[in-house]
Amino acid sequence: MPRLTLDLSDEVNKELDRIAKANCISKAEAMRRAFALLAVAESEKKRGNSLGIVREDPNSHHLEALGRVVGV
């Protein structure tokens, strides 16, 4: 498996640690998931779509759009 060495700012490293601990995963797994999300964003951008933030009503299962993720 190929390896990659990254230099992270203290802020990014702390956030990566926090996310990994909150999800009971390794920092490497958190980075893999981040890359997977970036790949989805890139694929959808090519199709003219974008990623969004939605909230689901637990009773009706209706989705309410709260915002769009930009810059990815």
N, C-alpha and C. Protein backbone atom coordinates (compact mmCIF):
# COMPACT_ATOMS: atom_id res chain seq x y z
N MET A 1 0.85 -1.17 0.00
CA MET A 1 0.00 0.00 0.00
C MET A 1 0.90 1.24 0.00
N PRO A 2 0.64 2.21 -0.88
CA PRO A 2 1.44 3.43 -0.91
C PRO A 2 1.29 4.22 0.39
N ARG A 3 2.34 4.95 0.75
CA ARG A 3 2.33 5.77 1.95
C ARG A 3 2.46 7.23 1.56
N LEU A 4 1.95 8.10 2.41
CA LEU A 4 2.02 9.53 2.17
C LEU A 4 2.37 10.22 3.48
N THR A 5 3.33 11.12 3.43
CA THR A 5 3.70 11.89 4.60
C THR A 5 3.16 13.31 4.43
N LEU A 6 2.48 13.81 5.45
CA LEU A 6 1.88 15.14 5.39
C LEU A 6 2.40 16.02 6.52
N ASP A 7 2.56 17.29 6.23
CA ASP A 7 2.81 18.28 7.26
C ASP A 7 1.49 18.97 7.55
N LEU A 8 1.03 18.91 8.81
CA LEU A 8 -0.23 19.50 9.20
C LEU A 8 0.01 20.65 10.17
N SER A 9 -0.81 21.66 10.08
CA SER A 9 -0.74 22.72 11.09
C SER A 9 -1.22 22.14 12.41
N ASP A 10 -0.86 22.79 13.51
CA ASP A 10 -1.32 22.32 14.82
C ASP A 10 -2.84 22.28 14.88
N GLU A 11 -3.47 23.29 14.29
CA GLU A 11 -4.93 23.37 14.30
C GLU A 11 -5.56 22.19 13.57
N VAL A 12 -5.05 21.87 12.38
CA VAL A 12 -5.59 20.75 11.60
C VAL A 12 -5.33 19.43 12.32
N ASN A 13 -4.15 19.28 12.90
CA ASN A 13 -3.82 18.05 13.62
C ASN A 13 -4.74 17.86 14.83
N LYS A 14 -5.02 18.93 15.56
CA LYS A 14 -5.91 18.83 16.73
C LYS A 14 -7.33 18.45 16.29
N GLU A 15 -7.79 19.04 15.19
CA GLU A 15 -9.13 18.73 14.69
C GLU A 15 -9.19 17.28 14.19
N LEU A 16 -8.14 16.83 13.53
CA LEU A 16 -8.07 15.44 13.08
C LEU A 16 -8.10 14.49 14.27
N ASP A 17 -7.34 14.80 15.31
CA ASP A 17 -7.37 14.00 16.54
C ASP A 17 -8.77 13.96 17.14
N ARG A 18 -9.42 15.12 17.20
CA ARG A 18 -10.75 15.20 17.79
C ARG A 18 -11.75 14.35 17.01
N ILE A 19 -11.72 14.47 15.69
CA ILE A 19 -12.64 13.70 14.84
C ILE A 19 -12.39 12.20 14.98
N ALA A 20 -11.12 11.81 14.97
CA ALA A 20 -10.78 10.40 15.10
C ALA A 20 -11.26 9.83 16.43
N LYS A 21 -11.00 10.56 17.51
CA LYS A 21 -11.42 10.08 18.84
C LYS A 21 -12.94 10.03 18.95
N ALA A 22 -13.63 11.05 18.42
CA ALA A 22 -15.09 11.10 18.51
C ALA A 22 -15.74 9.94 17.76
N ASN A 23 -15.07 9.43 16.73
CA ASN A 23 -15.62 8.34 15.93
C ASN A 23 -14.96 7.00 16.19
N CYS A 24 -14.08 6.97 17.19
CA CYS A 24 -13.37 5.73 17.57
C CYS A 24 -12.65 5.11 16.36
N ILE A 25 -11.96 5.97 15.61
CA ILE A 25 -11.20 5.51 14.45
C ILE A 25 -9.80 6.10 14.53
N SER A 26 -8.92 5.58 13.72
CA SER A 26 -7.56 6.12 13.66
C SER A 26 -7.54 7.41 12.85
N LYS A 27 -6.47 8.16 13.02
CA LYS A 27 -6.31 9.37 12.21
C LYS A 27 -6.20 9.01 10.73
N ALA A 28 -5.57 7.89 10.44
CA ALA A 28 -5.46 7.43 9.05
C ALA A 28 -6.83 7.14 8.47
N GLU A 29 -7.70 6.50 9.24
CA GLU A 29 -9.06 6.22 8.76
C GLU A 29 -9.84 7.51 8.58
N ALA A 30 -9.66 8.46 9.47
CA ALA A 30 -10.32 9.75 9.32
C ALA A 30 -9.88 10.42 8.02
N MET A 31 -8.60 10.35 7.70
CA MET A 31 -8.09 10.92 6.45
C MET A 31 -8.65 10.18 5.24
N ARG A 32 -8.76 8.85 5.32
CA ARG A 32 -9.34 8.08 4.22
C ARG A 32 -10.79 8.50 3.97
N ARG A 33 -11.54 8.69 5.05
CA ARG A 33 -12.93 9.11 4.91
C ARG A 33 -13.02 10.53 4.34
N ALA A 34 -12.13 11.39 4.76
CA ALA A 34 -12.10 12.75 4.23
C ALA A 34 -11.82 12.72 2.73
N PHE A 35 -10.89 11.88 2.32
CA PHE A 35 -10.59 11.77 0.89
C PHE A 35 -11.79 11.22 0.13
N ALA A 36 -12.48 10.24 0.70
CA ALA A 36 -13.67 9.68 0.04
C ALA A 36 -14.73 10.76 -0.14
N LEU A 37 -14.91 11.60 0.85
CA LEU A 37 -15.87 12.70 0.74
C LEU A 37 -15.44 13.69 -0.32
N LEU A 38 -14.15 14.00 -0.39
CA LEU A 38 -13.63 14.89 -1.41
C LEU A 38 -13.83 14.31 -2.80
N ALA A 39 -13.64 13.00 -2.95
CA ALA A 39 -13.84 12.34 -4.24
C ALA A 39 -15.30 12.43 -4.67
N VAL A 40 -16.24 12.26 -3.75
CA VAL A 40 -17.66 12.40 -4.07
C VAL A 40 -17.95 13.84 -4.50
N ALA A 41 -17.41 14.80 -3.77
CA ALA A 41 -17.63 16.21 -4.12
C ALA A 41 -17.10 16.52 -5.51
N GLU A 42 -15.93 16.01 -5.83
CA GLU A 42 -15.33 16.25 -7.15
C GLU A 42 -16.16 15.60 -8.25
N SER A 43 -16.60 14.38 -8.03
CA SER A 43 -17.41 13.67 -9.01
C SER A 43 -18.73 14.40 -9.26
N GLU A 44 -19.39 14.84 -8.20
CA GLU A 44 -20.66 15.53 -8.34
C GLU A 44 -20.49 16.91 -8.97
N LYS A 45 -19.38 17.56 -8.67
CA LYS A 45 -19.10 18.87 -9.27
C LYS A 45 -19.01 18.75 -10.78
N LYS A 46 -18.40 17.68 -11.27
CA LYS A 46 -18.29 17.44 -12.71
C LYS A 46 -19.66 17.24 -13.35
N ARG A 47 -20.63 16.77 -12.58
CA ARG A 47 -21.99 16.53 -13.08
C ARG A 47 -22.88 17.77 -12.93
N GLY A 48 -22.30 18.84 -12.39
CA GLY A 48 -23.07 20.05 -12.18
C GLY A 48 -23.83 20.09 -10.87
N ASN A 49 -23.50 19.17 -9.96
CA ASN A 49 -24.16 19.09 -8.66
C ASN A 49 -23.21 19.61 -7.58
N SER A 50 -23.71 19.71 -6.37
CA SER A 50 -22.87 20.09 -5.24
C SER A 50 -23.32 19.34 -4.00
N LEU A 51 -22.47 19.34 -2.99
CA LEU A 51 -22.81 18.72 -1.71
C LEU A 51 -23.63 19.70 -0.90
N GLY A 52 -24.55 19.17 -0.10
CA GLY A 52 -25.39 20.04 0.71
C GLY A 52 -25.49 19.55 2.14
N ILE A 53 -25.97 20.44 2.98
CA ILE A 53 -26.27 20.12 4.37
C ILE A 53 -27.79 20.04 4.47
N VAL A 54 -28.28 18.90 4.91
CA VAL A 54 -29.73 18.72 5.02
C VAL A 54 -30.09 18.23 6.41
N ARG A 55 -31.34 18.50 6.77
CA ARG A 55 -31.88 17.99 8.03
C ARG A 55 -33.11 17.18 7.69
N GLU A 56 -33.24 16.00 8.30
CA GLU A 56 -34.38 15.13 8.05
C GLU A 56 -35.38 15.23 9.19
N ASP A 57 -36.64 15.47 8.86
CA ASP A 57 -37.69 15.45 9.85
C ASP A 57 -37.90 13.99 10.24
N PRO A 58 -37.77 13.65 11.52
CA PRO A 58 -37.86 12.25 11.93
C PRO A 58 -39.23 11.62 11.72
N ASN A 59 -40.28 12.43 11.65
CA ASN A 59 -41.63 11.90 11.48
C ASN A 59 -41.98 11.71 10.01
N SER A 60 -41.76 12.74 9.21
CA SER A 60 -42.16 12.67 7.80
C SER A 60 -41.04 12.21 6.89
N HIS A 61 -39.82 12.21 7.39
CA HIS A 61 -38.62 11.89 6.61
C HIS A 61 -38.39 12.91 5.49
N HIS A 62 -39.04 14.06 5.61
CA HIS A 62 -38.83 15.16 4.66
C HIS A 62 -37.45 15.75 4.90
N LEU A 63 -36.73 16.05 3.80
CA LEU A 63 -35.42 16.65 3.90
C LEU A 63 -35.51 18.15 3.68
N GLU A 64 -34.90 18.89 4.59
CA GLU A 64 -34.85 20.35 4.47
C GLU A 64 -33.41 20.76 4.16
N ALA A 65 -33.21 21.47 3.07
CA ALA A 65 -31.88 21.95 2.69
C ALA A 65 -31.50 23.11 3.60
N LEU A 66 -30.33 22.99 4.25
CA LEU A 66 -29.87 24.05 5.14
C LEU A 66 -28.74 24.86 4.52
N GLY A 67 -28.00 24.25 3.62
CA GLY A 67 -26.89 24.97 3.00
C GLY A 67 -26.17 24.10 1.99
N ARG A 68 -25.22 24.73 1.32
CA ARG A 68 -24.42 24.04 0.32
C ARG A 68 -22.96 24.13 0.71
N VAL A 69 -22.23 23.06 0.52
CA VAL A 69 -20.79 23.02 0.79
C VAL A 69 -20.08 23.59 -0.43
N VAL A 70 -19.32 24.65 -0.22
CA VAL A 70 -18.59 25.27 -1.33
C VAL A 70 -17.10 25.20 -1.06
N GLY A 71 -16.32 25.29 -2.11
CA GLY A 71 -14.88 25.32 -1.98
C GLY A 71 -14.21 23.97 -1.96
N VAL A 72 -14.94 22.93 -2.29
CA VAL A 72 -14.35 21.58 -2.36
C VAL A 72 -14.48 21.05 -3.77
